[in-house]
Amino acid sequence: MATAPQPSKWNNDELDADAQHSIGLFRDERTAEPLEQYLAFYDVCSSLVENLIESTVNLTNLRDVAFDVLTEDWEEIHAMRYLASPWISMDDLAVLVDSTVSPTQLKKKPTLARAIVDMIMLGLDRQRFPWLIEEREPTSAERESAVVATAALMATQRTQTMRRTHSKDSQEAVVRQILLDAGFKEASTRDIANYSQAPGLGEFCAESSVAGRKADIVVRLWDGRVMPIECKVSNSSTNSVKRLNNDAAVKAKTWILKFGTDNIVPAAVLAGVFKAHNLKSAQDDGLTLFWAHSLKALTDYIESTR
């Protein structure tokens, strides 16, 4: 019986060369990115902040009218979160107020609005809103400055979130398309607790659980082995450790332990900023690496499993 082909392991020079090439592409993408994306977010955020300040008498009665403000326009919850410094994420806010934070929950628990405001005011940015601390009316300059600074914070975060989401979604879409072009069929999303639950031969499925850990794409190679693929986009070497070494590589070890090297080929498709030594560490943990800028290596390997 023929031995199943094993994916190539890159040497240090190859890892470094691809990492540098990926960083170059990342720089080109960032410098070409239109300013209009940020400005569009800024306009929306500025309106939210201005409306919040206006409807709460310069935030002075925010606690008393929070329920009315949020039931009229739930989007104002985001402007409220950015009154604090640092701003409070929705997930963190839910933990802090010990409740799901949603319009439905607000209607069930009207007191939730005050709890949200009380928690936010504990972290109020005193530099942006000095009049609240000093219990006086804001000057027109202070009010304008607060709106600009808060809207800028919100717009920056939304732009960064959009970048991450768009990059990852685009990467997954490209991988799915090359699989279709290679003759694979897309199957339904599923939980794969054991080998028999994987997609059929020559099939793949998107965002499925493999042995309790989510994979972006799961491929059943032509020789029957399973290849869970993680699509990882990083905007910094620090971020890459979280996404590659502490996430994808940890999953690879879990999957290999569960299914064995004869049955599974954990892989990652990478784009953005990565350090060569972190790439080598992930590869040593059993993760097969491919690059978004050189997906022919992925298609060649898949073809070799026929």
Protein backbone atom coordinates (compact mmCIF):
# COMPACT_ATOMS: atom_id res chain seq x y z
CA MET A 1 0.00 0.00 0.00
CA ALA A 2 1.42 3.39 -1.04
CA THR A 3 2.39 5.78 1.72
CA ALA A 4 0.21 8.89 1.86
CA PRO A 5 2.15 11.95 0.68
CA GLN A 6 3.22 14.22 3.52
CA PRO A 7 3.12 18.01 3.12
CA SER A 8 6.43 19.80 2.80
CA LYS A 9 8.09 21.36 5.80
CA TRP A 10 9.65 24.71 5.07
CA ASN A 11 13.23 25.42 6.18
CA ASN A 12 14.17 28.58 8.07
CA ASP A 13 15.23 30.48 4.94
CA GLU A 14 11.98 29.63 3.15
CA LEU A 15 9.89 30.63 6.16
CA ASP A 16 11.74 33.93 6.45
CA ALA A 17 11.43 34.69 2.72
CA ASP A 18 7.67 34.03 2.70
CA ALA A 19 7.19 35.99 5.93
CA GLN A 20 8.96 39.01 4.42
CA HIS A 21 6.95 38.73 1.22
CA SER A 22 3.71 38.57 3.21
CA ILE A 23 4.70 41.64 5.24
CA GLY A 24 5.39 43.51 2.00
CA LEU A 25 1.93 42.67 0.69
CA PHE A 26 0.43 43.76 4.02
CA ARG A 27 2.17 47.15 3.73
CA ASP A 28 0.95 47.61 0.16
CA GLU A 29 -2.62 46.84 1.20
CA ARG A 30 -2.57 49.25 4.12
CA THR A 31 -1.07 52.15 2.16
CA ALA A 32 -3.58 51.63 -0.65
CA GLU A 33 -6.54 51.44 1.69
CA PRO A 34 -8.89 54.38 1.06
CA LEU A 35 -9.37 56.94 3.83
CA GLU A 36 -13.05 56.96 2.94
CA GLN A 37 -13.62 53.78 4.95
CA TYR A 38 -12.56 55.47 8.18
CA LEU A 39 -14.35 58.73 7.33
CA ALA A 40 -17.63 56.92 6.66
CA PHE A 41 -17.41 55.25 10.07
CA TYR A 42 -16.47 58.58 11.65
CA ASP A 43 -19.61 60.29 10.29
CA VAL A 44 -21.86 57.59 11.73
CA CYS A 45 -20.08 57.56 15.09
CA SER A 46 -20.03 61.33 15.33
CA SER A 47 -23.81 61.43 14.89
CA LEU A 48 -24.27 58.81 17.60
CA VAL A 49 -22.10 60.72 20.08
CA GLU A 50 -23.71 64.08 19.30
CA ASN A 51 -27.20 62.59 19.70
CA LEU A 52 -26.26 60.98 23.00
CA ILE A 53 -24.85 64.21 24.41
CA GLU A 54 -27.81 66.22 23.15
CA SER A 55 -30.49 63.85 24.46
CA THR A 56 -28.92 63.59 27.93
CA VAL A 57 -28.28 67.31 28.58
CA ASN A 58 -24.54 66.98 28.06
CA LEU A 59 -24.59 63.53 29.71
CA THR A 60 -25.66 65.01 33.03
CA ASN A 61 -28.89 63.00 33.25
CA LEU A 62 -27.65 59.95 31.34
CA ARG A 63 -28.54 57.55 34.14
CA ASP A 64 -32.12 58.78 34.38
CA VAL A 65 -32.91 58.68 30.66
CA ALA A 66 -30.73 55.74 29.61
CA PHE A 67 -33.71 53.41 29.17
CA ASP A 68 -35.52 55.89 26.90
CA VAL A 69 -32.37 56.57 24.89
CA LEU A 70 -31.58 52.89 24.32
CA THR A 71 -35.14 51.81 23.51
CA GLU A 72 -35.40 54.63 20.98
CA ASP A 73 -32.04 53.81 19.34
CA TRP A 74 -30.16 50.74 20.50
CA GLU A 75 -27.07 51.82 18.52
CA GLU A 76 -26.47 54.43 21.23
CA ILE A 77 -25.16 51.59 23.42
CA HIS A 78 -21.94 51.81 21.41
CA ALA A 79 -21.54 55.54 22.03
CA MET A 80 -22.10 54.87 25.75
CA ARG A 81 -19.41 52.17 25.82
CA TYR A 82 -16.87 54.64 24.47
CA LEU A 83 -17.48 57.18 27.23
CA ALA A 84 -15.17 55.05 29.35
CA SER A 85 -11.44 54.89 28.96
CA PRO A 86 -10.46 52.39 27.87
CA TRP A 87 -13.70 51.70 26.05
CA ILE A 88 -15.71 48.66 27.19
CA SER A 89 -16.47 45.83 24.77
CA MET A 90 -19.97 44.35 24.59
CA ASP A 91 -18.67 41.05 25.93
CA ASP A 92 -16.98 42.75 28.89
CA LEU A 93 -20.06 44.86 29.57
CA ALA A 94 -22.24 41.75 29.77
CA VAL A 95 -19.89 40.27 32.37
CA LEU A 96 -19.71 43.52 34.35
CA VAL A 97 -23.49 43.92 34.60
CA ASP A 98 -24.05 40.17 34.94
CA SER A 99 -26.60 40.11 32.13
CA THR A 100 -26.96 39.66 28.41
CA VAL A 101 -26.83 43.13 26.87
CA SER A 102 -29.44 43.30 24.12
CA PRO A 103 -32.64 45.20 23.22
CA THR A 104 -34.73 42.16 24.17
CA GLN A 105 -33.10 41.87 27.57
CA LEU A 106 -33.45 45.61 28.17
CA LYS A 107 -37.22 45.38 27.68
CA LYS A 108 -37.38 42.48 30.13
CA LYS A 109 -35.19 44.28 32.68
CA PRO A 110 -35.66 48.08 32.50
CA THR A 111 -33.16 48.49 35.36
CA LEU A 112 -30.46 47.10 33.06
CA ALA A 113 -30.04 50.53 31.44
CA ARG A 114 -29.06 52.13 34.74
CA ALA A 115 -26.73 49.25 35.56
CA ILE A 116 -24.97 49.76 32.22
CA VAL A 117 -24.56 53.48 32.78
CA ASP A 118 -23.35 53.00 36.37
CA MET A 119 -20.64 50.60 35.17
CA ILE A 120 -19.58 52.87 32.31
CA MET A 121 -19.40 55.93 34.55
CA LEU A 122 -16.97 54.14 36.83
CA GLY A 123 -14.49 54.28 33.97
CA LEU A 124 -15.51 57.69 32.60
CA ASP A 125 -12.69 59.42 30.71
CA ARG A 126 -12.08 62.53 32.80
CA GLN A 127 -9.95 64.15 30.11
CA ARG A 128 -12.72 64.04 27.50
CA PHE A 129 -15.59 64.90 29.87
CA PRO A 130 -14.13 67.21 32.55
CA TRP A 131 -17.42 69.03 33.12
CA LEU A 132 -19.05 65.92 34.55
CA ILE A 133 -16.33 65.54 37.15
CA GLU A 134 -16.41 69.25 37.99
CA GLU A 135 -20.24 69.33 37.96
CA ARG A 136 -20.67 72.26 35.60
CA GLU A 137 -21.79 73.04 32.06
CA PRO A 138 -19.29 72.20 29.30
CA THR A 139 -17.84 74.94 27.15
CA SER A 140 -18.59 74.69 23.43
CA ALA A 141 -14.93 73.78 22.85
CA GLU A 142 -15.05 70.99 25.45
CA ARG A 143 -18.21 69.56 23.98
CA GLU A 144 -16.86 69.63 20.43
CA SER A 145 -13.57 68.10 21.54
CA ALA A 146 -15.39 65.30 23.36
CA VAL A 147 -17.46 64.48 20.28
CA VAL A 148 -14.43 64.44 17.97
CA ALA A 149 -12.27 62.34 20.30
CA THR A 150 -15.00 59.81 21.08
CA ALA A 151 -16.11 59.46 17.46
CA ALA A 152 -12.49 59.00 16.39
CA LEU A 153 -12.02 56.19 18.91
CA MET A 154 -15.18 54.46 17.73
CA ALA A 155 -14.38 54.87 14.03
CA THR A 156 -10.83 53.59 14.47
CA GLN A 157 -12.04 50.46 16.24
CA ARG A 158 -14.73 49.81 13.64
CA THR A 159 -12.19 50.22 10.84
CA GLN A 160 -9.84 47.72 12.49
CA THR A 161 -12.68 45.25 13.05
CA MET A 162 -13.77 45.60 9.42
CA ARG A 163 -10.19 44.97 8.25
CA ARG A 164 -9.90 41.76 10.26
CA THR A 165 -13.33 40.47 9.27
CA HIS A 166 -12.95 41.37 5.60
CA SER A 167 -9.45 39.89 5.34
CA LYS A 168 -10.41 36.62 7.01
CA ASP A 169 -13.67 36.28 5.05
CA SER A 170 -11.84 37.02 1.79
CA GLN A 171 -9.17 34.46 2.59
CA GLU A 172 -11.75 31.76 3.38
CA ALA A 173 -13.63 32.57 0.18
CA VAL A 174 -10.47 32.14 -1.90
CA VAL A 175 -9.65 28.79 -0.28
CA ARG A 176 -13.20 27.55 -0.82
CA GLN A 177 -13.03 28.57 -4.47
CA ILE A 178 -9.74 26.79 -5.17
CA LEU A 179 -11.21 23.65 -3.62
CA LEU A 180 -14.23 23.88 -5.91
CA ASP A 181 -11.92 24.48 -8.88
CA ALA A 182 -9.96 21.37 -7.86
CA GLY A 183 -13.11 19.28 -8.16
CA PHE A 184 -14.24 19.21 -4.52
CA LYS A 185 -17.88 19.56 -3.55
CA GLU A 186 -19.03 21.66 -0.59
CA ALA A 187 -20.89 19.71 2.08
CA SER A 188 -22.91 20.94 5.04
CA THR A 189 -21.36 22.31 8.22
CA ARG A 190 -21.13 19.68 10.94
CA ASP A 191 -19.66 18.52 14.25
CA ILE A 192 -16.85 16.03 13.65
CA ALA A 193 -16.33 14.09 16.85
CA ASN A 194 -14.89 11.06 15.07
CA TYR A 195 -13.38 10.22 11.71
CA SER A 196 -16.61 8.86 10.19
CA GLN A 197 -18.36 12.22 10.62
CA ALA A 198 -15.95 14.10 8.35
CA PRO A 199 -17.07 15.15 4.85
CA GLY A 200 -17.03 12.44 2.18
CA LEU A 201 -14.11 11.76 -0.12
CA GLY A 202 -13.48 14.80 -2.31
CA GLU A 203 -15.72 17.05 -0.20
CA PHE A 204 -15.18 19.95 2.21
CA CYS A 205 -17.28 21.86 4.69
CA ALA A 206 -16.96 25.35 6.16
CA GLU A 207 -16.61 26.34 9.82
CA SER A 208 -17.08 23.00 11.51
CA SER A 209 -16.12 21.62 14.90
CA VAL A 210 -13.36 19.01 14.82
CA ALA A 211 -12.90 17.15 18.11
CA GLY A 212 -14.43 20.13 19.91
CA ARG A 213 -12.26 22.78 18.22
CA LYS A 214 -13.55 24.92 15.36
CA ALA A 215 -11.84 24.77 11.97
CA ASP A 216 -12.55 27.35 9.28
CA ILE A 217 -12.63 24.73 6.51
CA VAL A 218 -12.46 20.91 6.73
CA VAL A 219 -11.33 19.00 3.65
CA ARG A 220 -11.51 15.25 3.02
CA LEU A 221 -8.43 14.67 0.85
CA TRP A 222 -8.53 12.32 -2.11
CA ASP A 223 -6.68 9.64 -0.13
CA GLY A 224 -9.25 9.77 2.68
CA ARG A 225 -7.35 11.83 5.25
CA VAL A 226 -8.93 14.89 6.84
CA MET A 227 -7.36 18.34 6.49
CA PRO A 228 -8.77 21.00 8.84
CA ILE A 229 -7.66 24.41 7.57
CA GLU A 230 -7.38 27.55 9.67
CA CYS A 231 -7.32 30.91 7.82
CA LYS A 232 -5.16 33.33 9.80
CA VAL A 233 -4.64 37.02 9.06
CA SER A 234 -2.30 38.95 11.37
CA ASN A 235 -1.52 42.66 11.53
CA SER A 236 1.46 42.38 13.91
CA SER A 237 4.01 39.84 15.11
CA THR A 238 2.44 39.99 18.59
CA ASN A 239 -1.00 39.31 17.14
CA SER A 240 0.43 36.44 15.10
CA VAL A 241 1.47 34.55 18.24
CA LYS A 242 -2.14 34.61 19.46
CA ARG A 243 -3.61 33.56 16.13
CA LEU A 244 -0.95 31.09 15.00
CA ASN A 245 0.86 29.62 17.99
CA ASN A 246 -1.76 29.92 20.72
CA ASP A 247 -4.70 29.01 18.51
CA ALA A 248 -4.00 27.16 15.24
CA ALA A 249 -0.95 25.25 16.49
CA VAL A 250 -2.73 24.26 19.71
CA LYS A 251 -5.64 22.96 17.64
CA ALA A 252 -3.21 21.00 15.46
CA LYS A 253 -1.80 19.18 18.48
CA THR A 254 -5.32 18.43 19.73
CA TRP A 255 -6.40 17.03 16.36
CA ILE A 256 -3.26 14.93 15.93
CA LEU A 257 -3.68 13.52 19.42
CA LYS A 258 -7.32 12.67 18.67
CA PHE A 259 -6.99 11.24 15.15
CA GLY A 260 -3.29 10.41 14.66
CA THR A 261 -0.89 11.59 11.96
CA ASP A 262 -2.08 8.87 9.54
CA ASN A 263 -5.60 10.29 9.49
CA ILE A 264 -5.33 14.06 9.80
CA VAL A 265 -3.27 16.89 8.28
CA PRO A 266 -3.86 20.14 10.23
CA ALA A 267 -3.09 23.18 8.08
CA ALA A 268 -3.15 26.96 8.12
CA VAL A 269 -3.34 29.51 5.32
CA LEU A 270 -1.52 32.66 6.38
CA ALA A 271 -1.55 36.33 5.38
CA GLY A 272 -0.08 39.43 7.02
CA VAL A 273 2.67 39.78 9.59
CA PHE A 274 4.40 36.71 11.06
CA LYS A 275 7.84 36.08 12.55
CA ALA A 276 9.87 33.22 11.08
CA HIS A 277 10.67 31.68 14.48
CA ASN A 278 6.96 31.61 15.38
CA LEU A 279 6.21 29.96 12.05
CA LYS A 280 8.85 27.29 12.72
CA SER A 281 7.42 26.66 16.18
CA ALA A 282 3.92 26.15 14.76
CA GLN A 283 5.27 23.86 12.06
CA ASP A 284 7.13 21.81 14.68
CA ASP A 285 3.80 21.41 16.51
CA GLY A 286 2.41 19.58 13.48
CA LEU A 287 0.74 22.48 11.66
CA THR A 288 1.24 22.51 7.87
CA LEU A 289 1.73 26.05 6.61
CA PHE A 290 0.54 27.58 3.35
CA TRP A 291 0.52 31.23 2.28
CA ALA A 292 -2.36 33.21 0.83
CA HIS A 293 0.11 34.72 -1.66
CA SER A 294 1.20 31.26 -2.87
CA LEU A 295 -1.81 28.96 -2.79
CA LYS A 296 -0.41 26.80 -5.59
CA ALA A 297 1.49 24.94 -2.86
CA LEU A 298 -1.87 24.03 -1.28
CA THR A 299 -3.48 22.94 -4.55
CA ASP A 300 -0.38 20.96 -5.55
CA TYR A 301 -0.41 19.09 -2.27
CA ILE A 302 -4.12 18.36 -2.49
CA GLU A 303 -3.65 17.05 -6.04
CA SER A 304 -0.80 14.81 -4.85
CA THR A 305 -3.27 12.93 -2.60
CA ARG A 306 -5.27 11.53 -5.53
